[in-house]
Amino acid sequence: MNEQTQQMRDVAVAALEDIKAKYIEILDTAELTDLFDCMVVASGDSNRQVRALANNVAVELKAKGFEVLSTEGEESGEWVLVDAGSLVVHVMLPAVRDYYDLEQLWGGQKPSFNPLGRPWSAV
């Protein structure tokens, strides 16, 4: 991951923490795809918070001089994606995050049985 992507990641994480995002995960995807180098996944408690988190990420990235290519999912607020080129930020409701489990898909971790579930589990 190059220095610019690391700076973008730091700005995005700070923006998420500013509005109380939960369970922020950072995934280095540089070895997995050529499309982007880093993915940040976070949860929000409500549709409104999910939209606010993603909006804050986009606003802060732009304020620091980084280009935001697009955002998607603001209408429903269940899963909002912020595409900043080499950085992609996913902000989701806990149930949506449980269902898609992006950390396992992109993190390369083998599935393991945990009877207690994930800390953000909607179940």
PDB file of N, CA and C in Angstrom:
ATOM      1  N   MET A   1       0.846  -1.169   0.000  1.00  0.00           N
ATOM      2  CA  MET A   1       0.000   0.000   0.000  1.00  0.00           C
ATOM      3  C   MET A   1       0.896   1.238   0.000  1.00  0.00           C
ATOM      4  N   ASN A   2       0.614   2.140  -0.928  1.00  0.00           N
ATOM      5  CA  ASN A   2       1.466   3.322  -1.042  1.00  0.00           C
ATOM      6  C   ASN A   2       1.096   4.377   0.018  1.00  0.00           C
ATOM      7  N   GLU A   3       1.927   5.399   0.101  1.00  0.00           N
ATOM      8  CA  GLU A   3       1.761   6.417   1.139  1.00  0.00           C
ATOM      9  C   GLU A   3       0.456   7.200   0.991  1.00  0.00           C
ATOM     10  N   GLN A   4       0.068   7.507  -0.242  1.00  0.00           N
ATOM     11  CA  GLN A   4      -1.172   8.251  -0.459  1.00  0.00           C
ATOM     12  C   GLN A   4      -2.377   7.438   0.017  1.00  0.00           C
ATOM     13  N   THR A   5      -2.390   6.159  -0.277  1.00  0.00           N
ATOM     14  CA  THR A   5      -3.496   5.304   0.167  1.00  0.00           C
ATOM     15  C   THR A   5      -3.522   5.221   1.687  1.00  0.00           C
ATOM     16  N   GLN A   6      -2.366   5.161   2.314  1.00  0.00           N
ATOM     17  CA  GLN A   6      -2.310   5.132   3.776  1.00  0.00           C
ATOM     18  C   GLN A   6      -2.868   6.426   4.371  1.00  0.00           C
ATOM     19  N   GLN A   7      -2.567   7.555   3.733  1.00  0.00           N
ATOM     20  CA  GLN A   7      -3.100   8.831   4.201  1.00  0.00           C
ATOM     21  C   GLN A   7      -4.618   8.866   4.040  1.00  0.00           C
ATOM     22  N   MET A   8      -5.097   8.385   2.898  1.00  0.00           N
ATOM     23  CA  MET A   8      -6.539   8.322   2.658  1.00  0.00           C
ATOM     24  C   MET A   8      -7.211   7.429   3.701  1.00  0.00           C
ATOM     25  N   ARG A   9      -6.604   6.286   3.976  1.00  0.00           N
ATOM     26  CA  ARG A   9      -7.135   5.355   4.977  1.00  0.00           C
ATOM     27  C   ARG A   9      -7.238   6.036   6.338  1.00  0.00           C
ATOM     28  N   ASP A  10      -6.192   6.748   6.726  1.00  0.00           N
ATOM     29  CA  ASP A  10      -6.181   7.419   8.025  1.00  0.00           C
ATOM     30  C   ASP A  10      -7.270   8.489   8.112  1.00  0.00           C
ATOM     31  N   VAL A  11      -7.461   9.240   7.030  1.00  0.00           N
ATOM     32  CA  VAL A  11      -8.512  10.262   6.998  1.00  0.00           C
ATOM     33  C   VAL A  11      -9.882   9.602   7.108  1.00  0.00           C
ATOM     34  N   ALA A  12     -10.091   8.507   6.373  1.00  0.00           N
ATOM     35  CA  ALA A  12     -11.377   7.811   6.393  1.00  0.00           C
ATOM     36  C   ALA A  12     -11.680   7.241   7.776  1.00  0.00           C
ATOM     37  N   VAL A  13     -10.698   6.623   8.393  1.00  0.00           N
ATOM     38  CA  VAL A  13     -10.904   6.040   9.731  1.00  0.00           C
ATOM     39  C   VAL A  13     -11.205   7.139  10.747  1.00  0.00           C
ATOM     40  N   ALA A  14     -10.502   8.251  10.672  1.00  0.00           N
ATOM     41  CA  ALA A  14     -10.768   9.371  11.584  1.00  0.00           C
ATOM     42  C   ALA A  14     -12.177   9.911  11.376  1.00  0.00           C
ATOM     43  N   ALA A  15     -12.617   9.996  10.119  1.00  0.00           N
ATOM     44  CA  ALA A  15     -13.969  10.476   9.822  1.00  0.00           C
ATOM     45  C   ALA A  15     -15.021   9.514  10.371  1.00  0.00           C
ATOM     46  N   LEU A  16     -14.753   8.222  10.289  1.00  0.00           N
ATOM     47  CA  LEU A  16     -15.676   7.228  10.835  1.00  0.00           C
ATOM     48  C   LEU A  16     -15.727   7.306  12.362  1.00  0.00           C
ATOM     49  N   GLU A  17     -14.569   7.423  12.969  1.00  0.00           N
ATOM     50  CA  GLU A  17     -14.508   7.509  14.434  1.00  0.00           C
ATOM     51  C   GLU A  17     -15.183   8.775  14.946  1.00  0.00           C
ATOM     52  N   ASP A  18     -15.132   9.846  14.158  1.00  0.00           N
ATOM     53  CA  ASP A  18     -15.726  11.127  14.534  1.00  0.00           C
ATOM     54  C   ASP A  18     -17.235  11.013  14.734  1.00  0.00           C
ATOM     55  N   ILE A  19     -17.880  10.127  13.980  1.00  0.00           N
ATOM     56  CA  ILE A  19     -19.335   9.969  14.083  1.00  0.00           C
ATOM     57  C   ILE A  19     -19.679   8.620  14.720  1.00  0.00           C
ATOM     58  N   LYS A  20     -18.742   8.075  15.475  1.00  0.00           N
ATOM     59  CA  LYS A  20     -18.974   6.890  16.307  1.00  0.00           C
ATOM     60  C   LYS A  20     -19.303   5.623  15.517  1.00  0.00           C
ATOM     61  N   ALA A  21     -18.571   5.365  14.440  1.00  0.00           N
ATOM     62  CA  ALA A  21     -18.721   4.095  13.728  1.00  0.00           C
ATOM     63  C   ALA A  21     -18.294   2.965  14.648  1.00  0.00           C
ATOM     64  N   LYS A  22     -18.843   1.796  14.407  1.00  0.00           N
ATOM     65  CA  LYS A  22     -18.513   0.642  15.230  1.00  0.00           C
ATOM     66  C   LYS A  22     -17.776  -0.399  14.408  1.00  0.00           C
ATOM     67  N   TYR A  23     -16.885  -1.117  15.084  1.00  0.00           N
ATOM     68  CA  TYR A  23     -16.189  -2.266  14.502  1.00  0.00           C
ATOM     69  C   TYR A  23     -15.531  -1.942  13.161  1.00  0.00           C
ATOM     70  N   ILE A  24     -14.658  -0.953  13.181  1.00  0.00           N
ATOM     71  CA  ILE A  24     -13.936  -0.533  11.981  1.00  0.00           C
ATOM     72  C   ILE A  24     -12.840  -1.555  11.684  1.00  0.00           C
ATOM     73  N   GLU A  25     -12.869  -2.101  10.476  1.00  0.00           N
ATOM     74  CA  GLU A  25     -11.864  -3.071  10.037  1.00  0.00           C
ATOM     75  C   GLU A  25     -11.149  -2.519   8.811  1.00  0.00           C
ATOM     76  N   ILE A  26      -9.841  -2.688   8.774  1.00  0.00           N
ATOM     77  CA  ILE A  26      -9.034  -2.242   7.640  1.00  0.00           C
ATOM     78  C   ILE A  26      -8.455  -3.478   6.967  1.00  0.00           C
ATOM     79  N   LEU A  27      -8.681  -3.609   5.663  1.00  0.00           N
ATOM     80  CA  LEU A  27      -8.186  -4.750   4.908  1.00  0.00           C
ATOM     81  C   LEU A  27      -7.247  -4.281   3.811  1.00  0.00           C
ATOM     82  N   ASP A  28      -6.055  -4.837   3.775  1.00  0.00           N
ATOM     83  CA  ASP A  28      -5.094  -4.537   2.714  1.00  0.00           C
ATOM     84  C   ASP A  28      -5.381  -5.496   1.562  1.00  0.00           C
ATOM     85  N   THR A  29      -5.863  -4.965   0.453  1.00  0.00           N
ATOM     86  CA  THR A  29      -6.267  -5.801  -0.678  1.00  0.00           C
ATOM     87  C   THR A  29      -5.320  -5.665  -1.870  1.00  0.00           C
ATOM     88  N   ALA A  30      -4.177  -5.043  -1.670  1.00  0.00           N
ATOM     89  CA  ALA A  30      -3.245  -4.782  -2.768  1.00  0.00           C
ATOM     90  C   ALA A  30      -2.803  -6.075  -3.462  1.00  0.00           C
ATOM     91  N   GLU A  31      -2.656  -7.154  -2.701  1.00  0.00           N
ATOM     92  CA  GLU A  31      -2.216  -8.428  -3.278  1.00  0.00           C
ATOM     93  C   GLU A  31      -3.377  -9.223  -3.870  1.00  0.00           C
ATOM     94  N   LEU A  32      -4.603  -8.812  -3.600  1.00  0.00           N
ATOM     95  CA  LEU A  32      -5.774  -9.583  -4.031  1.00  0.00           C
ATOM     96  C   LEU A  32      -6.422  -9.068  -5.308  1.00  0.00           C
ATOM     97  N   THR A  33      -6.284  -7.765  -5.578  1.00  0.00           N
ATOM     98  CA  THR A  33      -6.925  -7.171  -6.751  1.00  0.00           C
ATOM     99  C   THR A  33      -6.136  -5.949  -7.211  1.00  0.00           C
ATOM    100  N   ASP A  34      -6.291  -5.614  -8.480  1.00  0.00           N
ATOM    101  CA  ASP A  34      -5.686  -4.400  -9.020  1.00  0.00           C
ATOM    102  C   ASP A  34      -6.645  -3.209  -8.959  1.00  0.00           C
ATOM    103  N   LEU A  35      -7.883  -3.448  -8.547  1.00  0.00           N
ATOM    104  CA  LEU A  35      -8.898  -2.399  -8.546  1.00  0.00           C
ATOM    105  C   LEU A  35      -8.702  -1.373  -7.443  1.00  0.00           C
ATOM    106  N   PHE A  36      -8.268  -1.816  -6.258  1.00  0.00           N
ATOM    107  CA  PHE A  36      -8.034  -0.915  -5.130  1.00  0.00           C
ATOM    108  C   PHE A  36      -7.040  -1.572  -4.185  1.00  0.00           C
ATOM    109  N   ASP A  37      -6.399  -0.738  -3.368  1.00  0.00           N
ATOM    110  CA  ASP A  37      -5.346  -1.225  -2.468  1.00  0.00           C
ATOM    111  C   ASP A  37      -5.818  -1.471  -1.045  1.00  0.00           C
ATOM    112  N   CYS A  38      -6.858  -0.777  -0.637  1.00  0.00           N
ATOM    113  CA  CYS A  38      -7.286  -0.858   0.755  1.00  0.00           C
ATOM    114  C   CYS A  38      -8.807  -0.760   0.839  1.00  0.00           C
ATOM    115  N   MET A  39      -9.367  -1.522   1.777  1.00  0.00           N
ATOM    116  CA  MET A  39     -10.804  -1.491   2.022  1.00  0.00           C
ATOM    117  C   MET A  39     -11.022  -1.246   3.514  1.00  0.00           C
ATOM    118  N   VAL A  40     -11.956  -0.358   3.819  1.00  0.00           N
ATOM    119  CA  VAL A  40     -12.351  -0.111   5.201  1.00  0.00           C
ATOM    120  C   VAL A  40     -13.818  -0.497   5.316  1.00  0.00           C
ATOM    121  N   VAL A  41     -14.121  -1.297   6.342  1.00  0.00           N
ATOM    122  CA  VAL A  41     -15.492  -1.747   6.590  1.00  0.00           C
ATOM    123  C   VAL A  41     -15.871  -1.293   7.992  1.00  0.00           C
ATOM    124  N   ALA A  42     -17.067  -0.695   8.113  1.00  0.00           N
ATOM    125  CA  ALA A  42     -17.528  -0.218   9.417  1.00  0.00           C
ATOM    126  C   ALA A  42     -19.031  -0.393   9.526  1.00  0.00           C
ATOM    127  N   SER A  43     -19.527  -0.349  10.746  1.00  0.00           N
ATOM    128  CA  SER A  43     -20.962  -0.488  10.998  1.00  0.00           C
ATOM    129  C   SER A  43     -21.524   0.771  11.623  1.00  0.00           C
ATOM    130  N   GLY A  44     -22.804   1.010  11.319  1.00  0.00           N
ATOM    131  CA  GLY A  44     -23.559   2.083  11.946  1.00  0.00           C
ATOM    132  C   GLY A  44     -24.824   1.512  12.559  1.00  0.00           C
ATOM    133  N   ASP A  45     -25.384   2.200  13.522  1.00  0.00           N
ATOM    134  CA  ASP A  45     -26.547   1.696  14.251  1.00  0.00           C
ATOM    135  C   ASP A  45     -27.879   1.867  13.521  1.00  0.00           C
ATOM    136  N   SER A  46     -27.955   2.809  12.595  1.00  0.00           N
ATOM    137  CA  SER A  46     -29.213   3.083  11.901  1.00  0.00           C
ATOM    138  C   SER A  46     -28.916   3.521  10.471  1.00  0.00           C
ATOM    139  N   ASN A  47     -29.947   3.535   9.646  1.00  0.00           N
ATOM    140  CA  ASN A  47     -29.784   3.995   8.266  1.00  0.00           C
ATOM    141  C   ASN A  47     -29.255   5.421   8.232  1.00  0.00           C
ATOM    142  N   ARG A  48     -29.763   6.238   9.114  1.00  0.00           N
ATOM    143  CA  ARG A  48     -29.336   7.635   9.173  1.00  0.00           C
ATOM    144  C   ARG A  48     -27.849   7.736   9.533  1.00  0.00           C
ATOM    145  N   GLN A  49     -27.412   6.948  10.513  1.00  0.00           N
ATOM    146  CA  GLN A  49     -26.008   6.996  10.898  1.00  0.00           C
ATOM    147  C   GLN A  49     -25.113   6.446   9.793  1.00  0.00           C
ATOM    148  N   VAL A  50     -25.556   5.383   9.118  1.00  0.00           N
ATOM    149  CA  VAL A  50     -24.768   4.824   8.017  1.00  0.00           C
ATOM    150  C   VAL A  50     -24.556   5.880   6.941  1.00  0.00           C
ATOM    151  N   ARG A  51     -25.623   6.582   6.577  1.00  0.00           N
ATOM    152  CA  ARG A  51     -25.507   7.655   5.572  1.00  0.00           C
ATOM    153  C   ARG A  51     -24.590   8.773   6.058  1.00  0.00           C
ATOM    154  N   ALA A  52     -24.733   9.154   7.328  1.00  0.00           N
ATOM    155  CA  ALA A  52     -23.898  10.235   7.886  1.00  0.00           C
ATOM    156  C   ALA A  52     -22.426   9.830   7.931  1.00  0.00           C
ATOM    157  N   LEU A  53     -22.145   8.589   8.286  1.00  0.00           N
ATOM    158  CA  LEU A  53     -20.766   8.106   8.320  1.00  0.00           C
ATOM    159  C   LEU A  53     -20.132   8.176   6.942  1.00  0.00           C
ATOM    160  N   ALA A  54     -20.826   7.645   5.942  1.00  0.00           N
ATOM    161  CA  ALA A  54     -20.287   7.647   4.579  1.00  0.00           C
ATOM    162  C   ALA A  54     -20.119   9.069   4.057  1.00  0.00           C
ATOM    163  N   ASN A  55     -21.090   9.931   4.341  1.00  0.00           N
ATOM    164  CA  ASN A  55     -20.990  11.323   3.915  1.00  0.00           C
ATOM    165  C   ASN A  55     -19.792  12.002   4.560  1.00  0.00           C
ATOM    166  N   ASN A  56     -19.566  11.747   5.840  1.00  0.00           N
ATOM    167  CA  ASN A  56     -18.440  12.364   6.535  1.00  0.00           C
ATOM    168  C   ASN A  56     -17.112  11.887   5.943  1.00  0.00           C
ATOM    169  N   VAL A  57     -17.043  10.613   5.577  1.00  0.00           N
ATOM    170  CA  VAL A  57     -15.824  10.093   4.940  1.00  0.00           C
ATOM    171  C   VAL A  57     -15.577  10.841   3.631  1.00  0.00           C
ATOM    172  N   ALA A  58     -16.607  10.964   2.793  1.00  0.00           N
ATOM    173  CA  ALA A  58     -16.460  11.644   1.507  1.00  0.00           C
ATOM    174  C   ALA A  58     -16.073  13.112   1.689  1.00  0.00           C
ATOM    175  N   VAL A  59     -16.711  13.793   2.623  1.00  0.00           N
ATOM    176  CA  VAL A  59     -16.425  15.214   2.870  1.00  0.00           C
ATOM    177  C   VAL A  59     -14.990  15.395   3.352  1.00  0.00           C
ATOM    178  N   GLU A  60     -14.559  14.565   4.289  1.00  0.00           N
ATOM    179  CA  GLU A  60     -13.202  14.696   4.836  1.00  0.00           C
ATOM    180  C   GLU A  60     -12.137  14.355   3.796  1.00  0.00           C
ATOM    181  N   LEU A  61     -12.381  13.334   2.984  1.00  0.00           N
ATOM    182  CA  LEU A  61     -11.411  13.008   1.926  1.00  0.00           C
ATOM    183  C   LEU A  61     -11.270  14.168   0.949  1.00  0.00           C
ATOM    184  N   LYS A  62     -12.404  14.744   0.544  1.00  0.00           N
ATOM    185  CA  LYS A  62     -12.359  15.884  -0.375  1.00  0.00           C
ATOM    186  C   LYS A  62     -11.669  17.084   0.263  1.00  0.00           C
ATOM    187  N   ALA A  63     -11.927  17.307   1.556  1.00  0.00           N
ATOM    188  CA  ALA A  63     -11.317  18.436   2.261  1.00  0.00           C
ATOM    189  C   ALA A  63      -9.796  18.302   2.331  1.00  0.00           C
ATOM    190  N   LYS A  64      -9.297  17.086   2.355  1.00  0.00           N
ATOM    191  CA  LYS A  64      -7.851  16.840   2.406  1.00  0.00           C
ATOM    192  C   LYS A  64      -7.236  16.762   1.009  1.00  0.00           C
ATOM    193  N   GLY A  65      -8.041  16.995  -0.028  1.00  0.00           N
ATOM    194  CA  GLY A  65      -7.517  17.048  -1.384  1.00  0.00           C
ATOM    195  C   GLY A  65      -7.555  15.740  -2.141  1.00  0.00           C
ATOM    196  N   PHE A  66      -8.216  14.722  -1.603  1.00  0.00           N
ATOM    197  CA  PHE A  66      -8.333  13.444  -2.298  1.00  0.00           C
ATOM    198  C   PHE A  66      -9.609  13.430  -3.126  1.00  0.00           C
ATOM    199  N   GLU A  67      -9.584  12.695  -4.215  1.00  0.00           N
ATOM    200  CA  GLU A  67     -10.744  12.620  -5.101  1.00  0.00           C
ATOM    201  C   GLU A  67     -11.640  11.463  -4.700  1.00  0.00           C
ATOM    202  N   VAL A  68     -12.929  11.740  -4.573  1.00  0.00           N
ATOM    203  CA  VAL A  68     -13.930  10.694  -4.341  1.00  0.00           C
ATOM    204  C   VAL A  68     -14.613  10.454  -5.679  1.00  0.00           C
ATOM    205  N   LEU A  69     -14.456   9.251  -6.209  1.00  0.00           N
ATOM    206  CA  LEU A  69     -15.000   8.929  -7.525  1.00  0.00           C
ATOM    207  C   LEU A  69     -16.514   8.793  -7.504  1.00  0.00           C
ATOM    208  N   SER A  70     -17.043   8.127  -6.478  1.00  0.00           N
ATOM    209  CA  SER A  70     -18.491   7.979  -6.385  1.00  0.00           C
ATOM    210  C   SER A  70     -18.891   7.477  -5.011  1.00  0.00           C
ATOM    211  N   THR A  71     -20.168   7.643  -4.710  1.00  0.00           N
ATOM    212  CA  THR A  71     -20.770   7.032  -3.535  1.00  0.00           C
ATOM    213  C   THR A  71     -22.048   6.351  -3.998  1.00  0.00           C
ATOM    214  N   GLU A  72     -22.371   5.229  -3.370  1.00  0.00           N
ATOM    215  CA  GLU A  72     -23.570   4.484  -3.752  1.00  0.00           C
ATOM    216  C   GLU A  72     -24.271   3.978  -2.513  1.00  0.00           C
ATOM    217  N   GLY A  73     -25.600   3.899  -2.590  1.00  0.00           N
ATOM    218  CA  GLY A  73     -26.388   3.317  -1.523  1.00  0.00           C
ATOM    219  C   GLY A  73     -26.986   4.300  -0.543  1.00  0.00           C
ATOM    220  N   GLU A  74     -26.865   5.606  -0.808  1.00  0.00           N
ATOM    221  CA  GLU A  74     -27.377   6.594   0.133  1.00  0.00           C
ATOM    222  C   GLU A  74     -28.897   6.545   0.257  1.00  0.00           C
ATOM    223  N   GLU A  75     -29.580   6.070  -0.781  1.00  0.00           N
ATOM    224  CA  GLU A  75     -31.043   6.062  -0.763  1.00  0.00           C
ATOM    225  C   GLU A  75     -31.582   5.220   0.388  1.00  0.00           C
ATOM    226  N   SER A  76     -31.105   3.985   0.493  1.00  0.00           N
ATOM    227  CA  SER A  76     -31.628   3.100   1.539  1.00  0.00           C
ATOM    228  C   SER A  76     -30.858   3.263   2.846  1.00  0.00           C
ATOM    229  N   GLY A  77     -29.565   3.510   2.756  1.00  0.00           N
ATOM    230  CA  GLY A  77     -28.762   3.671   3.954  1.00  0.00           C
ATOM    231  C   GLY A  77     -28.422   2.382   4.662  1.00  0.00           C
ATOM    232  N   GLU A  78     -28.687   1.241   4.036  1.00  0.00           N
ATOM    233  CA  GLU A  78     -28.338  -0.042   4.645  1.00  0.00           C
ATOM    234  C   GLU A  78     -26.868  -0.374   4.410  1.00  0.00           C
ATOM    235  N   TRP A  79     -26.381  -0.010   3.218  1.00  0.00           N
ATOM    236  CA  TRP A  79     -24.988  -0.254   2.848  1.00  0.00           C
ATOM    237  C   TRP A  79     -24.581   0.885   1.929  1.00  0.00           C
ATOM    238  N   VAL A  80     -23.681   1.721   2.388  1.00  0.00           N
ATOM    239  CA  VAL A  80     -23.212   2.844   1.573  1.00  0.00           C
ATOM    240  C   VAL A  80     -21.734   2.634   1.283  1.00  0.00           C
ATOM    241  N   LEU A  81     -21.381   2.774   0.027  1.00  0.00           N
ATOM    242  CA  LEU A  81     -20.011   2.585  -0.431  1.00  0.00           C
ATOM    243  C   LEU A  81     -19.440   3.925  -0.870  1.00  0.00           C
ATOM    244  N   VAL A  82     -18.225   4.211  -0.447  1.00  0.00           N
ATOM    245  CA  VAL A  82     -17.501   5.405  -0.880  1.00  0.00           C
ATOM    246  C   VAL A  82     -16.282   4.915  -1.662  1.00  0.00           C
ATOM    247  N   ASP A  83     -16.237   5.249  -2.943  1.00  0.00           N
ATOM    248  CA  ASP A  83     -15.137   4.828  -3.812  1.00  0.00           C
ATOM    249  C   ASP A  83     -14.198   6.004  -4.013  1.00  0.00           C
ATOM    250  N   ALA A  84     -12.991   5.857  -3.475  1.00  0.00           N
ATOM    251  CA  ALA A  84     -11.973   6.899  -3.616  1.00  0.00           C
ATOM    252  C   ALA A  84     -10.777   6.380  -4.407  1.00  0.00           C
ATOM    253  N   GLY A  85     -11.042   5.515  -5.357  1.00  0.00           N
ATOM    254  CA  GLY A  85      -9.963   4.976  -6.185  1.00  0.00           C
ATOM    255  C   GLY A  85      -9.244   3.840  -5.500  1.00  0.00           C
ATOM    256  N   SER A  86      -8.086   4.114  -4.939  1.00  0.00           N
ATOM    257  CA  SER A  86      -7.310   3.059  -4.288  1.00  0.00           C
ATOM    258  C   SER A  86      -7.852   2.696  -2.910  1.00  0.00           C
ATOM    259  N   LEU A  87      -8.832   3.453  -2.424  1.00  0.00           N
ATOM    260  CA  LEU A  87      -9.483   3.163  -1.139  1.00  0.00           C
ATOM    261  C   LEU A  87     -10.982   3.028  -1.357  1.00  0.00           C
ATOM    262  N   VAL A  88     -11.556   1.966  -0.806  1.00  0.00           N
ATOM    263  CA  VAL A  88     -13.001   1.769  -0.854  1.00  0.00           C
ATOM    264  C   VAL A  88     -13.491   1.621   0.579  1.00  0.00           C
ATOM    265  N   VAL A  89     -14.518   2.386   0.930  1.00  0.00           N
ATOM    266  CA  VAL A  89     -15.077   2.355   2.278  1.00  0.00           C
ATOM    267  C   VAL A  89     -16.503   1.827   2.199  1.00  0.00           C
ATOM    268  N   HIS A  90     -16.786   0.790   2.994  1.00  0.00           N
ATOM    269  CA  HIS A  90     -18.124   0.210   3.099  1.00  0.00           C
ATOM    270  C   HIS A  90     -18.650   0.512   4.492  1.00  0.00           C
ATOM    271  N   VAL A  91     -19.812   1.145   4.573  1.00  0.00           N
ATOM    272  CA  VAL A  91     -20.472   1.394   5.851  1.00  0.00           C
ATOM    273  C   VAL A  91     -21.816   0.682   5.788  1.00  0.00           C
ATOM    274  N   MET A  92     -22.062  -0.210   6.759  1.00  0.00           N
ATOM    275  CA  MET A  92     -23.238  -1.073   6.692  1.00  0.00           C
ATOM    276  C   MET A  92     -23.962  -1.167   8.026  1.00  0.00           C
ATOM    277  N   LEU A  93     -25.231  -1.527   7.922  1.00  0.00           N
ATOM    278  CA  LEU A  93     -25.966  -1.932   9.106  1.00  0.00           C
ATOM    279  C   LEU A  93     -25.452  -3.303   9.538  1.00  0.00           C
ATOM    280  N   PRO A  94     -25.523  -3.645  10.814  1.00  0.00           N
ATOM    281  CA  PRO A  94     -24.992  -4.927  11.282  1.00  0.00           C
ATOM    282  C   PRO A  94     -25.558  -6.155  10.555  1.00  0.00           C
ATOM    283  N   ALA A  95     -26.856  -6.177  10.269  1.00  0.00           N
ATOM    284  CA  ALA A  95     -27.447  -7.337   9.591  1.00  0.00           C
ATOM    285  C   ALA A  95     -26.881  -7.505   8.180  1.00  0.00           C
ATOM    286  N   VAL A  96     -26.688  -6.406   7.482  1.00  0.00           N
ATOM    287  CA  VAL A  96     -26.127  -6.453   6.132  1.00  0.00           C
ATOM    288  C   VAL A  96     -24.666  -6.893   6.199  1.00  0.00           C
ATOM    289  N   ARG A  97     -23.947  -6.395   7.165  1.00  0.00           N
ATOM    290  CA  ARG A  97     -22.540  -6.776   7.325  1.00  0.00           C
ATOM    291  C   ARG A  97     -22.412  -8.254   7.655  1.00  0.00           C
ATOM    292  N   ASP A  98     -23.287  -8.767   8.498  1.00  0.00           N
ATOM    293  CA  ASP A  98     -23.295 -10.200   8.799  1.00  0.00           C
ATOM    294  C   ASP A  98     -23.528 -11.028   7.542  1.00  0.00           C
ATOM    295  N   TYR A  99     -24.504 -10.604   6.749  1.00  0.00           N
ATOM    296  CA  TYR A  99     -24.898 -11.374   5.574  1.00  0.00           C
ATOM    297  C   TYR A  99     -23.785 -11.441   4.528  1.00  0.00           C
ATOM    298  N   TYR A 100     -23.173 -10.312   4.214  1.00  0.00           N
ATOM    299  CA  TYR A 100     -22.166 -10.282   3.145  1.00  0.00           C
ATOM    300  C   TYR A 100     -20.767 -10.652   3.625  1.00  0.00           C
ATOM    301  N   ASP A 101     -20.438 -10.439   4.872  1.00  0.00           N
ATOM    302  CA  ASP A 101     -19.177 -10.853   5.491  1.00  0.00           C
ATOM    303  C   ASP A 101     -17.962 -10.532   4.613  1.00  0.00           C
ATOM    304  N   LEU A 102     -17.819  -9.256   4.283  1.00  0.00           N
ATOM    305  CA  LEU A 102     -16.724  -8.821   3.411  1.00  0.00           C
ATOM    306  C   LEU A 102     -15.348  -9.115   3.987  1.00  0.00           C
ATOM    307  N   GLU A 103     -15.234  -9.099   5.295  1.00  0.00           N
ATOM    308  CA  GLU A 103     -13.938  -9.378   5.907  1.00  0.00           C
ATOM    309  C   GLU A 103     -13.444 -10.767   5.524  1.00  0.00           C
ATOM    310  N   GLN A 104     -14.330 -11.738   5.521  1.00  0.00           N
ATOM    311  CA  GLN A 104     -13.928 -13.084   5.138  1.00  0.00           C
ATOM    312  C   GLN A 104     -13.626 -13.158   3.640  1.00  0.00           C
ATOM    313  N   LEU A 105     -14.447 -12.510   2.824  1.00  0.00           N
ATOM    314  CA  LEU A 105     -14.231 -12.550   1.382  1.00  0.00           C
ATOM    315  C   LEU A 105     -12.914 -11.914   0.970  1.00  0.00           C
ATOM    316  N   TRP A 106     -12.601 -10.756   1.538  1.00  0.00           N
ATOM    317  CA  TRP A 106     -11.412 -10.011   1.124  1.00  0.00           C
ATOM    318  C   TRP A 106     -10.227 -10.200   2.052  1.00  0.00           C
ATOM    319  N   GLY A 107     -10.473 -10.621   3.268  1.00  0.00           N
ATOM    320  CA  GLY A 107      -9.383 -10.796   4.213  1.00  0.00           C
ATOM    321  C   GLY A 107      -8.646 -12.109   4.045  1.00  0.00           C
ATOM    322  N   GLY A 108      -9.273 -13.040   3.340  1.00  0.00           N
ATOM    323  CA  GLY A 108      -8.626 -14.304   3.092  1.00  0.00           C
ATOM    324  C   GLY A 108      -8.593 -15.223   4.292  1.00  0.00           C
ATOM    325  N   GLN A 109      -9.367 -14.928   5.322  1.00  0.00           N
ATOM    326  CA  GLN A 109      -9.382 -15.781   6.498  1.00  0.00           C
ATOM    327  C   GLN A 109     -10.284 -16.976   6.251  1.00  0.00           C
ATOM    328  N   LYS A 110      -9.875 -18.125   6.789  1.00  0.00           N
ATOM    329  CA  LYS A 110     -10.700 -19.314   6.676  1.00  0.00           C
ATOM    330  C   LYS A 110     -11.857 -19.196   7.651  1.00  0.00           C
ATOM    331  N   PRO A 111     -13.039 -19.676   7.251  1.00  0.00           N
ATOM    332  CA  PRO A 111     -14.172 -19.602   8.164  1.00  0.00           C
ATOM    333  C   PRO A 111     -13.932 -20.462   9.400  1.00  0.00           C
ATOM    334  N   SER A 112     -14.378 -19.986  10.529  1.00  0.00           N
ATOM    335  CA  SER A 112     -14.256 -20.755  11.762  1.00  0.00           C
ATOM    336  C   SER A 112     -15.547 -20.624  12.547  1.00  0.00           C
ATOM    337  N   PHE A 113     -15.877 -21.652  13.286  1.00  0.00           N
ATOM    338  CA  PHE A 113     -17.101 -21.643  14.067  1.00  0.00           C
ATOM    339  C   PHE A 113     -16.878 -20.870  15.356  1.00  0.00           C
ATOM    340  N   ASN A 114     -17.713 -19.872  15.588  1.00  0.00           N
ATOM    341  CA  ASN A 114     -17.674 -19.103  16.821  1.00  0.00           C
ATOM    342  C   ASN A 114     -19.095 -19.076  17.374  1.00  0.00           C
ATOM    343  N   PRO A 115     -19.379 -19.845  18.422  1.00  0.00           N
ATOM    344  CA  PRO A 115     -20.758 -19.918  18.920  1.00  0.00           C
ATOM    345  C   PRO A 115     -21.298 -18.588  19.439  1.00  0.00           C
ATOM    346  N   LEU A 116     -20.410 -17.660  19.755  1.00  0.00           N
ATOM    347  CA  LEU A 116     -20.860 -16.368  20.262  1.00  0.00           C
ATOM    348  C   LEU A 116     -21.145 -15.377  19.141  1.00  0.00           C
ATOM    349  N   GLY A 117     -20.727 -15.683  17.934  1.00  0.00           N
ATOM    350  CA  GLY A 117     -20.966 -14.798  16.808  1.00  0.00           C
ATOM    351  C   GLY A 117     -20.002 -13.623  16.807  1.00  0.00           C
ATOM    352  N   ARG A 118     -20.154 -12.760  15.837  1.00  0.00           N
ATOM    353  CA  ARG A 118     -19.339 -11.560  15.744  1.00  0.00           C
ATOM    354  C   ARG A 118     -19.859 -10.524  16.720  1.00  0.00           C
ATOM    355  N   PRO A 119     -19.014  -9.605  17.143  1.00  0.00           N
ATOM    356  CA  PRO A 119     -19.481  -8.602  18.114  1.00  0.00           C
ATOM    357  C   PRO A 119     -20.544  -7.684  17.537  1.00  0.00           C
ATOM    358  N   TRP A 120     -20.647  -7.551  16.206  1.00  0.00           N
ATOM    359  CA  TRP A 120     -21.644  -6.660  15.616  1.00  0.00           C
ATOM    360  C   TRP A 120     -22.864  -7.418  15.149  1.00  0.00           C
ATOM    361  N   SER A 121     -22.949  -8.690  15.471  1.00  0.00           N
ATOM    362  CA  SER A 121     -24.018  -9.555  14.972  1.00  0.00           C
ATOM    363  C   SER A 121     -25.390  -8.973  15.240  1.00  0.00           C
ATOM    364  N   ALA A 122     -26.238  -9.018  14.236  1.00  0.00           N
ATOM    365  CA  ALA A 122     -27.604  -8.522  14.364  1.00  0.00           C
ATOM    366  C   ALA A 122     -28.520  -9.589  14.975  1.00  0.00           C
ATOM    367  N   VAL A 123     -28.046 -10.804  15.054  1.00  0.00           N
ATOM    368  CA  VAL A 123     -28.855 -11.904  15.570  1.00  0.00           C
ATOM    369  C   VAL A 123     -28.918 -11.862  17.074  1.00  0.00           C
TER     370      VAL A 123
END
